[in-house]
Amino acid sequence: MRVLTTDVFCGAYLLTRGGRLVDLLVDRTAERETGTFVFEGEDLLRHQEDYSRGDATAKVKAIRDAVTSLRTRLARALRRAA
């Protein structure tokens, strides 16, 4: 299953649930550049829905590490696109 999100914290949660980041799409058409994370894995849509409802739980260290990783990748992708 493939899931897309622009939310770094949602993406971090998906990583803690076994998701794999397979692509990072940069959009430069708006006033501000944005990135969309593309994840693949089992049951990711269910995990994304849990996150959206506020039912998601994960270890703080795992989320913090995943957020740092995604922000770093996003910053690199935005620099390359500039």
C-alpha atoms as a PDB file:
ATOM      1  CA  MET A   1       0.000   0.000   0.000  1.00  0.00           C
ATOM      2  CA  ARG A   2       1.194   3.517  -0.780  1.00  0.00           C
ATOM      3  CA  VAL A   3       0.404   6.571   1.373  1.00  0.00           C
ATOM      4  CA  LEU A   4       1.286  10.239   0.774  1.00  0.00           C
ATOM      5  CA  THR A   5       1.555  12.972   3.394  1.00  0.00           C
ATOM      6  CA  THR A   6       3.004  16.444   3.789  1.00  0.00           C
ATOM      7  CA  ASP A   7       2.918  16.126   7.587  1.00  0.00           C
ATOM      8  CA  VAL A   8       6.371  15.353   8.989  1.00  0.00           C
ATOM      9  CA  PHE A   9       4.948  14.014  12.259  1.00  0.00           C
ATOM     10  CA  CYS A  10       2.483  11.751  10.456  1.00  0.00           C
ATOM     11  CA  GLY A  11       5.343  10.517   8.286  1.00  0.00           C
ATOM     12  CA  ALA A  12       7.429   9.841  11.364  1.00  0.00           C
ATOM     13  CA  TYR A  13       4.574   7.846  12.848  1.00  0.00           C
ATOM     14  CA  LEU A  14       4.275   5.824   9.644  1.00  0.00           C
ATOM     15  CA  LEU A  15       7.997   5.060   9.817  1.00  0.00           C
ATOM     16  CA  THR A  16       7.564   3.723  13.358  1.00  0.00           C
ATOM     17  CA  ARG A  17       4.788   1.473  12.055  1.00  0.00           C
ATOM     18  CA  GLY A  18       6.956  -0.201   9.435  1.00  0.00           C
ATOM     19  CA  GLY A  19       6.486   2.218   6.570  1.00  0.00           C
ATOM     20  CA  ARG A  20       9.326   2.781   4.100  1.00  0.00           C
ATOM     21  CA  LEU A  21       9.977   6.182   2.598  1.00  0.00           C
ATOM     22  CA  VAL A  22      10.138   5.499  -1.147  1.00  0.00           C
ATOM     23  CA  ASP A  23      10.006   9.017  -2.576  1.00  0.00           C
ATOM     24  CA  LEU A  24       9.942  12.693  -1.683  1.00  0.00           C
ATOM     25  CA  LEU A  25       8.119  14.967  -4.106  1.00  0.00           C
ATOM     26  CA  VAL A  26       8.991  18.684  -4.111  1.00  0.00           C
ATOM     27  CA  ASP A  27       6.349  21.166  -5.262  1.00  0.00           C
ATOM     28  CA  ARG A  28       7.617  24.600  -6.252  1.00  0.00           C
ATOM     29  CA  THR A  29       4.398  25.890  -7.865  1.00  0.00           C
ATOM     30  CA  ALA A  30       3.061  27.689  -4.800  1.00  0.00           C
ATOM     31  CA  GLU A  31       4.395  30.739  -3.031  1.00  0.00           C
ATOM     32  CA  ARG A  32       6.260  28.410  -0.694  1.00  0.00           C
ATOM     33  CA  GLU A  33       8.048  25.165  -1.610  1.00  0.00           C
ATOM     34  CA  THR A  34       6.564  22.047  -0.065  1.00  0.00           C
ATOM     35  CA  GLY A  35       7.431  18.391   0.111  1.00  0.00           C
ATOM     36  CA  THR A  36       5.226  15.326  -0.031  1.00  0.00           C
ATOM     37  CA  PHE A  37       6.511  12.115   1.512  1.00  0.00           C
ATOM     38  CA  VAL A  38       5.587   8.854  -0.209  1.00  0.00           C
ATOM     39  CA  PHE A  39       5.539   5.739   1.980  1.00  0.00           C
ATOM     40  CA  GLU A  40       4.931   2.079   1.235  1.00  0.00           C
ATOM     41  CA  GLY A  41       4.100  -0.719   3.640  1.00  0.00           C
ATOM     42  CA  GLU A  42       1.422  -2.872   5.193  1.00  0.00           C
ATOM     43  CA  ASP A  43      -1.664  -1.237   6.765  1.00  0.00           C
ATOM     44  CA  LEU A  44      -0.292   2.303   6.306  1.00  0.00           C
ATOM     45  CA  LEU A  45      -3.702   3.741   5.476  1.00  0.00           C
ATOM     46  CA  ARG A  46      -5.068   2.411   8.773  1.00  0.00           C
ATOM     47  CA  HIS A  47      -2.086   3.885  10.645  1.00  0.00           C
ATOM     48  CA  GLN A  48      -2.563   7.224   8.882  1.00  0.00           C
ATOM     49  CA  GLU A  49      -6.231   7.216   9.894  1.00  0.00           C
ATOM     50  CA  ASP A  50      -5.276   6.398  13.508  1.00  0.00           C
ATOM     51  CA  TYR A  51      -2.901   9.364  13.452  1.00  0.00           C
ATOM     52  CA  SER A  52      -5.570  11.667  11.991  1.00  0.00           C
ATOM     53  CA  ARG A  53      -8.085  10.655  14.677  1.00  0.00           C
ATOM     54  CA  GLY A  54      -5.547  11.209  17.455  1.00  0.00           C
ATOM     55  CA  ASP A  55      -5.384   7.508  18.335  1.00  0.00           C
ATOM     56  CA  ALA A  56      -1.710   7.056  17.405  1.00  0.00           C
ATOM     57  CA  THR A  57       0.826   6.048  20.040  1.00  0.00           C
ATOM     58  CA  ALA A  58       4.533   5.509  19.581  1.00  0.00           C
ATOM     59  CA  LYS A  59       7.764   5.715  21.531  1.00  0.00           C
ATOM     60  CA  VAL A  60       8.961   9.296  21.873  1.00  0.00           C
ATOM     61  CA  LYS A  61      12.555   8.487  20.894  1.00  0.00           C
ATOM     62  CA  ALA A  62      11.412   6.682  17.739  1.00  0.00           C
ATOM     63  CA  ILE A  63       9.206   9.616  16.704  1.00  0.00           C
ATOM     64  CA  ARG A  64      11.942  12.158  17.462  1.00  0.00           C
ATOM     65  CA  ASP A  65      14.519  10.237  15.409  1.00  0.00           C
ATOM     66  CA  ALA A  66      12.085   9.778  12.514  1.00  0.00           C
ATOM     67  CA  VAL A  67      11.112  13.483  12.516  1.00  0.00           C
ATOM     68  CA  THR A  68      14.788  14.467  12.424  1.00  0.00           C
ATOM     69  CA  SER A  69      15.448  12.080   9.549  1.00  0.00           C
ATOM     70  CA  LEU A  70      12.464  13.309   7.510  1.00  0.00           C
ATOM     71  CA  ARG A  71      13.257  16.981   8.111  1.00  0.00           C
ATOM     72  CA  THR A  72      16.853  16.409   7.012  1.00  0.00           C
ATOM     73  CA  ARG A  73      15.730  14.653   3.826  1.00  0.00           C
ATOM     74  CA  LEU A  74      13.192  17.381   3.118  1.00  0.00           C
ATOM     75  CA  ALA A  75      15.765  20.154   3.591  1.00  0.00           C
ATOM     76  CA  ARG A  76      18.162  18.411   1.193  1.00  0.00           C
ATOM     77  CA  ALA A  77      15.440  17.893  -1.403  1.00  0.00           C
ATOM     78  CA  LEU A  78      14.346  21.542  -1.194  1.00  0.00           C
ATOM     79  CA  ARG A  79      17.961  22.736  -1.597  1.00  0.00           C
ATOM     80  CA  ARG A  80      18.440  20.507  -4.661  1.00  0.00           C
ATOM     81  CA  ALA A  81      15.202  21.793  -6.197  1.00  0.00           C
ATOM     82  CA  ALA A  82      16.170  25.448  -5.748  1.00  0.00           C
END
